[in-house]
């Protein structure tokens, strides 16, 4: 879980008076997991400029058919 879990907990605890680490299996835990999923969702392709070729690594080849 690592860093993503901590970031989701920070967002969950943002409006609370005390810091809370939620217990697994509770509705609060499910809420934190939803925050994690929302943060890790892939970005839309609209943010990438159109027509820009993919950068290839040193051992990758572009094959045209």
PDB file of N, CA and C in Angstrom:
ATOM      1  N   UNK A   1       0.829  -1.188   0.000  1.00  0.00           N
ATOM      2  CA  UNK A   1       0.000   0.000   0.000  1.00  0.00           C
ATOM      3  C   UNK A   1       0.871   1.248   0.000  1.00  0.00           C
ATOM      4  N   UNK A   2       1.750   1.375   0.939  1.00  0.00           N
ATOM      5  CA  UNK A   2       2.763   2.407   0.922  1.00  0.00           C
ATOM      6  C   UNK A   2       2.276   3.837   0.845  1.00  0.00           C
ATOM      7  N   UNK A   3       2.916   4.613  -0.011  1.00  0.00           N
ATOM      8  CA  UNK A   3       2.700   6.045  -0.103  1.00  0.00           C
ATOM      9  C   UNK A   3       1.278   6.399  -0.545  1.00  0.00           C
ATOM     10  N   UNK A   4       0.695   5.636  -1.441  1.00  0.00           N
ATOM     11  CA  UNK A   4      -0.663   5.926  -1.908  1.00  0.00           C
ATOM     12  C   UNK A   4      -1.658   5.839  -0.752  1.00  0.00           C
ATOM     13  N   UNK A   5      -1.438   4.875   0.134  1.00  0.00           N
ATOM     14  CA  UNK A   5      -2.316   4.719   1.298  1.00  0.00           C
ATOM     15  C   UNK A   5      -2.203   5.940   2.216  1.00  0.00           C
ATOM     16  N   UNK A   6      -0.998   6.408   2.464  1.00  0.00           N
ATOM     17  CA  UNK A   6      -0.785   7.568   3.328  1.00  0.00           C
ATOM     18  C   UNK A   6      -1.422   8.811   2.718  1.00  0.00           C
ATOM     19  N   UNK A   7      -1.238   9.007   1.413  1.00  0.00           N
ATOM     20  CA  UNK A   7      -1.835  10.169   0.741  1.00  0.00           C
ATOM     21  C   UNK A   7      -3.363  10.118   0.822  1.00  0.00           C
ATOM     22  N   UNK A   8      -3.941   8.929   0.654  1.00  0.00           N
ATOM     23  CA  UNK A   8      -5.398   8.789   0.750  1.00  0.00           C
ATOM     24  C   UNK A   8      -5.863   9.051   2.179  1.00  0.00           C
ATOM     25  N   UNK A   9      -5.108   8.577   3.179  1.00  0.00           N
ATOM     26  CA  UNK A   9      -5.457   8.847   4.574  1.00  0.00           C
ATOM     27  C   UNK A   9      -5.401  10.342   4.876  1.00  0.00           C
ATOM     28  N   UNK A  10      -4.395  11.027   4.336  1.00  0.00           N
ATOM     29  CA  UNK A  10      -4.301  12.476   4.545  1.00  0.00           C
ATOM     30  C   UNK A  10      -5.531  13.170   3.994  1.00  0.00           C
ATOM     31  N   UNK A  11      -5.959  12.760   2.788  1.00  0.00           N
ATOM     32  CA  UNK A  11      -7.147  13.376   2.204  1.00  0.00           C
ATOM     33  C   UNK A  11      -8.396  13.035   3.012  1.00  0.00           C
ATOM     34  N   UNK A  12      -8.502  11.802   3.476  1.00  0.00           N
ATOM     35  CA  UNK A  12      -9.656  11.382   4.282  1.00  0.00           C
ATOM     36  C   UNK A  12      -9.725  12.179   5.582  1.00  0.00           C
ATOM     37  N   UNK A  13      -8.572  12.401   6.220  1.00  0.00           N
ATOM     38  CA  UNK A  13      -8.524  13.077   7.517  1.00  0.00           C
ATOM     39  C   UNK A  13      -8.532  14.595   7.419  1.00  0.00           C
ATOM     40  N   UNK A  14      -8.562  15.131   6.206  1.00  0.00           N
ATOM     41  CA  UNK A  14      -8.467  16.575   6.013  1.00  0.00           C
ATOM     42  C   UNK A  14      -9.518  17.346   6.811  1.00  0.00           C
ATOM     43  N   UNK A  15     -10.760  16.881   6.885  1.00  0.00           N
ATOM     44  CA  UNK A  15     -11.823  17.618   7.563  1.00  0.00           C
ATOM     45  C   UNK A  15     -12.060  17.189   8.997  1.00  0.00           C
ATOM     46  N   UNK A  16     -11.271  16.261   9.512  1.00  0.00           N
ATOM     47  CA  UNK A  16     -11.476  15.750  10.865  1.00  0.00           C
ATOM     48  C   UNK A  16     -10.581  16.486  11.870  1.00  0.00           C
ATOM     49  N   UNK A  17     -11.015  16.502  13.145  1.00  0.00           N
ATOM     50  CA  UNK A  17     -10.240  17.171  14.191  1.00  0.00           C
ATOM     51  C   UNK A  17      -9.007  16.364  14.590  1.00  0.00           C
ATOM     52  N   UNK A  18      -9.133  15.020  14.588  1.00  0.00           N
ATOM     53  CA  UNK A  18      -8.029  14.155  14.996  1.00  0.00           C
ATOM     54  C   UNK A  18      -7.629  13.262  13.835  1.00  0.00           C
ATOM     55  N   UNK A  19      -6.333  12.897  13.791  1.00  0.00           N
ATOM     56  CA  UNK A  19      -5.827  11.969  12.783  1.00  0.00           C
ATOM     57  C   UNK A  19      -6.380  10.586  13.095  1.00  0.00           C
ATOM     58  N   UNK A  20      -6.845   9.890  12.084  1.00  0.00           N
ATOM     59  CA  UNK A  20      -7.465   8.585  12.256  1.00  0.00           C
ATOM     60  C   UNK A  20      -6.897   7.606  11.233  1.00  0.00           C
ATOM     61  N   UNK A  21      -6.461   6.433  11.692  1.00  0.00           N
ATOM     62  CA  UNK A  21      -6.078   5.352  10.796  1.00  0.00           C
ATOM     63  C   UNK A  21      -7.231   4.360  10.848  1.00  0.00           C
ATOM     64  N   UNK A  22      -7.880   4.179   9.718  1.00  0.00           N
ATOM     65  CA  UNK A  22      -9.100   3.374   9.691  1.00  0.00           C
ATOM     66  C   UNK A  22      -8.781   1.888   9.768  1.00  0.00           C
ATOM     67  N   UNK A  23      -9.711   1.130  10.348  1.00  0.00           N
ATOM     68  CA  UNK A  23      -9.546  -0.309  10.501  1.00  0.00           C
ATOM     69  C   UNK A  23     -10.041  -1.014   9.248  1.00  0.00           C
ATOM     70  N   UNK A  24      -9.299  -2.027   8.823  1.00  0.00           N
ATOM     71  CA  UNK A  24      -9.641  -2.782   7.625  1.00  0.00           C
ATOM     72  C   UNK A  24     -11.006  -3.442   7.793  1.00  0.00           C
ATOM     73  N   UNK A  25     -11.818  -3.363   6.733  1.00  0.00           N
ATOM     74  CA  UNK A  25     -13.138  -3.977   6.743  1.00  0.00           C
ATOM     75  C   UNK A  25     -14.260  -3.044   7.169  1.00  0.00           C
ATOM     76  N   UNK A  26     -13.934  -1.820   7.556  1.00  0.00           N
ATOM     77  CA  UNK A  26     -14.956  -0.865   7.980  1.00  0.00           C
ATOM     78  C   UNK A  26     -15.388  -0.010   6.796  1.00  0.00           C
ATOM     79  N   UNK A  27     -16.528   0.655   6.910  1.00  0.00           N
ATOM     80  CA  UNK A  27     -16.952   1.565   5.836  1.00  0.00           C
ATOM     81  C   UNK A  27     -15.946   2.693   5.605  1.00  0.00           C
ATOM     82  N   UNK A  28     -15.274   3.124   6.664  1.00  0.00           N
ATOM     83  CA  UNK A  28     -14.265   4.175   6.529  1.00  0.00           C
ATOM     84  C   UNK A  28     -13.079   3.683   5.707  1.00  0.00           C
ATOM     85  N   UNK A  29     -12.698   2.424   5.911  1.00  0.00           N
ATOM     86  CA  UNK A  29     -11.612   1.808   5.134  1.00  0.00           C
ATOM     87  C   UNK A  29     -11.971   1.790   3.657  1.00  0.00           C
ATOM     88  N   UNK A  30     -13.214   1.401   3.357  1.00  0.00           N
ATOM     89  CA  UNK A  30     -13.671   1.383   1.957  1.00  0.00           C
ATOM     90  C   UNK A  30     -13.636   2.774   1.346  1.00  0.00           C
ATOM     91  N   UNK A  31     -13.925   3.783   2.148  1.00  0.00           N
ATOM     92  CA  UNK A  31     -13.888   5.168   1.669  1.00  0.00           C
ATOM     93  C   UNK A  31     -12.452   5.576   1.306  1.00  0.00           C
ATOM     94  N   UNK A  32     -11.488   5.182   2.143  1.00  0.00           N
ATOM     95  CA  UNK A  32     -10.087   5.490   1.862  1.00  0.00           C
ATOM     96  C   UNK A  32      -9.628   4.753   0.609  1.00  0.00           C
ATOM     97  N   UNK A  33     -10.061   3.498   0.426  1.00  0.00           N
ATOM     98  CA  UNK A  33      -9.713   2.725  -0.767  1.00  0.00           C
ATOM     99  C   UNK A  33     -10.268   3.398  -2.023  1.00  0.00           C
ATOM    100  N   UNK A  34     -11.477   3.958  -1.948  1.00  0.00           N
ATOM    101  CA  UNK A  34     -12.057   4.675  -3.081  1.00  0.00           C
ATOM    102  C   UNK A  34     -11.226   5.912  -3.420  1.00  0.00           C
ATOM    103  N   UNK A  35     -10.738   6.605  -2.400  1.00  0.00           N
ATOM    104  CA  UNK A  35      -9.877   7.767  -2.622  1.00  0.00           C
ATOM    105  C   UNK A  35      -8.608   7.326  -3.341  1.00  0.00           C
ATOM    106  N   UNK A  36      -8.032   6.191  -2.924  1.00  0.00           N
ATOM    107  CA  UNK A  36      -6.829   5.659  -3.571  1.00  0.00           C
ATOM    108  C   UNK A  36      -7.091   5.356  -5.044  1.00  0.00           C
ATOM    109  N   UNK A  37      -8.222   4.708  -5.325  1.00  0.00           N
ATOM    110  CA  UNK A  37      -8.558   4.362  -6.707  1.00  0.00           C
ATOM    111  C   UNK A  37      -8.735   5.610  -7.555  1.00  0.00           C
ATOM    112  N   UNK A  38      -9.379   6.624  -6.985  1.00  0.00           N
ATOM    113  CA  UNK A  38      -9.612   7.861  -7.718  1.00  0.00           C
ATOM    114  C   UNK A  38      -8.289   8.554  -8.044  1.00  0.00           C
ATOM    115  N   UNK A  39      -7.354   8.531  -7.082  1.00  0.00           N
ATOM    116  CA  UNK A  39      -6.063   9.173  -7.310  1.00  0.00           C
ATOM    117  C   UNK A  39      -5.202   8.405  -8.297  1.00  0.00           C
ATOM    118  N   UNK A  40      -5.341   7.070  -8.340  1.00  0.00           N
ATOM    119  CA  UNK A  40      -4.507   6.272  -9.224  1.00  0.00           C
ATOM    120  C   UNK A  40      -5.145   6.027 -10.587  1.00  0.00           C
ATOM    121  N   UNK A  41      -6.327   6.580 -10.823  1.00  0.00           N
ATOM    122  CA  UNK A  41      -6.987   6.411 -12.121  1.00  0.00           C
ATOM    123  C   UNK A  41      -6.124   7.016 -13.218  1.00  0.00           C
ATOM    124  N   UNK A  42      -6.022   6.346 -14.357  1.00  0.00           N
ATOM    125  CA  UNK A  42      -5.197   6.889 -15.443  1.00  0.00           C
ATOM    126  C   UNK A  42      -5.746   8.216 -15.947  1.00  0.00           C
ATOM    127  N   UNK A  43      -4.836   9.085 -16.307  1.00  0.00           N
ATOM    128  CA  UNK A  43      -5.212  10.391 -16.840  1.00  0.00           C
ATOM    129  C   UNK A  43      -5.800  10.218 -18.233  1.00  0.00           C
ATOM    130  N   UNK A  44      -6.650  11.136 -18.628  1.00  0.00           N
ATOM    131  CA  UNK A  44      -7.249  11.060 -19.958  1.00  0.00           C
ATOM    132  C   UNK A  44      -6.204  11.355 -21.021  1.00  0.00           C
ATOM    133  N   UNK A  45      -6.417  10.859 -22.203  1.00  0.00           N
ATOM    134  CA  UNK A  45      -5.459  11.045 -23.292  1.00  0.00           C
ATOM    135  C   UNK A  45      -5.518  12.453 -23.871  1.00  0.00           C
ATOM    136  N   UNK A  46      -6.494  13.252 -23.455  1.00  0.00           N
ATOM    137  CA  UNK A  46      -6.619  14.617 -23.960  1.00  0.00           C
ATOM    138  C   UNK A  46      -5.428  15.476 -23.533  1.00  0.00           C
ATOM    139  N   UNK A  47      -4.796  15.119 -22.411  1.00  0.00           N
ATOM    140  CA  UNK A  47      -3.688  15.929 -21.927  1.00  0.00           C
ATOM    141  C   UNK A  47      -2.422  15.737 -22.759  1.00  0.00           C
ATOM    142  N   UNK A  48      -2.326  14.623 -23.508  1.00  0.00           N
ATOM    143  CA  UNK A  48      -1.161  14.380 -24.345  1.00  0.00           C
ATOM    144  C   UNK A  48      -1.300  15.129 -25.666  1.00  0.00           C
ATOM    145  N   UNK A  49      -0.252  15.780 -26.126  1.00  0.00           N
ATOM    146  CA  UNK A  49      -0.338  16.475 -27.408  1.00  0.00           C
ATOM    147  C   UNK A  49      -0.513  15.488 -28.559  1.00  0.00           C
ATOM    148  N   UNK A  50      -1.368  15.839 -29.497  1.00  0.00           N
ATOM    149  CA  UNK A  50      -1.635  14.954 -30.632  1.00  0.00           C
ATOM    150  C   UNK A  50      -0.461  14.967 -31.595  1.00  0.00           C
ATOM    151  N   UNK A  51      -0.155  13.811 -32.163  1.00  0.00           N
ATOM    152  CA  UNK A  51       0.864  13.719 -33.178  1.00  0.00           C
ATOM    153  C   UNK A  51       2.283  13.596 -32.658  1.00  0.00           C
ATOM    154  N   UNK A  52       2.471  13.658 -31.359  1.00  0.00           N
ATOM    155  CA  UNK A  52       3.814  13.543 -30.815  1.00  0.00           C
ATOM    156  C   UNK A  52       4.193  12.061 -30.775  1.00  0.00           C
ATOM    157  N   UNK A  53       5.313  11.686 -31.388  1.00  0.00           N
ATOM    158  CA  UNK A  53       5.692  10.272 -31.405  1.00  0.00           C
ATOM    159  C   UNK A  53       6.134   9.804 -30.022  1.00  0.00           C
ATOM    160  N   UNK A  54       5.938   8.530 -29.768  1.00  0.00           N
ATOM    161  CA  UNK A  54       6.340   7.933 -28.511  1.00  0.00           C
ATOM    162  C   UNK A  54       7.865   7.866 -28.455  1.00  0.00           C
ATOM    163  N   UNK A  55       8.417   8.212 -27.309  1.00  0.00           N
ATOM    164  CA  UNK A  55       9.858   8.117 -27.121  1.00  0.00           C
ATOM    165  C   UNK A  55      10.223   6.652 -26.923  1.00  0.00           C
ATOM    166  N   UNK A  56      11.131   6.143 -27.731  1.00  0.00           N
ATOM    167  CA  UNK A  56      11.557   4.765 -27.628  1.00  0.00           C
ATOM    168  C   UNK A  56      12.818   4.667 -26.790  1.00  0.00           C
ATOM    169  N   UNK A  57      12.928   3.564 -26.069  1.00  0.00           N
ATOM    170  CA  UNK A  57      14.117   3.310 -25.279  1.00  0.00           C
ATOM    171  C   UNK A  57      15.265   2.883 -26.181  1.00  0.00           C
ATOM    172  N   UNK A  58      16.460   2.699 -25.636  1.00  0.00           N
ATOM    173  CA  UNK A  58      17.623   2.372 -26.458  1.00  0.00           C
ATOM    174  C   UNK A  58      17.526   1.010 -27.140  1.00  0.00           C
ATOM    175  N   UNK A  59      16.696   0.102 -26.625  1.00  0.00           N
ATOM    176  CA  UNK A  59      16.604  -1.234 -27.212  1.00  0.00           C
ATOM    177  C   UNK A  59      15.224  -1.524 -27.798  1.00  0.00           C
ATOM    178  N   UNK A  60      14.432  -0.489 -28.063  1.00  0.00           N
ATOM    179  CA  UNK A  60      13.108  -0.658 -28.660  1.00  0.00           C
ATOM    180  C   UNK A  60      13.152  -0.221 -30.118  1.00  0.00           C
ATOM    181  N   UNK A  61      12.363  -0.871 -30.927  1.00  0.00           N
ATOM    182  CA  UNK A  61      12.316  -0.571 -32.356  1.00  0.00           C
ATOM    183  C   UNK A  61      10.885  -0.245 -32.760  1.00  0.00           C
ATOM    184  N   UNK A  62      10.739   0.717 -33.617  1.00  0.00           N
ATOM    185  CA  UNK A  62       9.438   1.059 -34.167  1.00  0.00           C
ATOM    186  C   UNK A  62       9.228   0.241 -35.427  1.00  0.00           C
ATOM    187  N   UNK A  63       8.176  -0.556 -35.473  1.00  0.00           N
ATOM    188  CA  UNK A  63       7.908  -1.425 -36.622  1.00  0.00           C
ATOM    189  C   UNK A  63       6.677  -0.883 -37.341  1.00  0.00           C
ATOM    190  N   UNK A  64       6.810  -0.654 -38.629  1.00  0.00           N
ATOM    191  CA  UNK A  64       5.709  -0.185 -39.455  1.00  0.00           C
ATOM    192  C   UNK A  64       5.247  -1.322 -40.339  1.00  0.00           C
ATOM    193  N   UNK A  65       3.962  -1.544 -40.407  1.00  0.00           N
ATOM    194  CA  UNK A  65       3.417  -2.605 -41.266  1.00  0.00           C
ATOM    195  C   UNK A  65       2.746  -2.008 -42.459  1.00  0.00           C
TER     196      UNK A  65
END
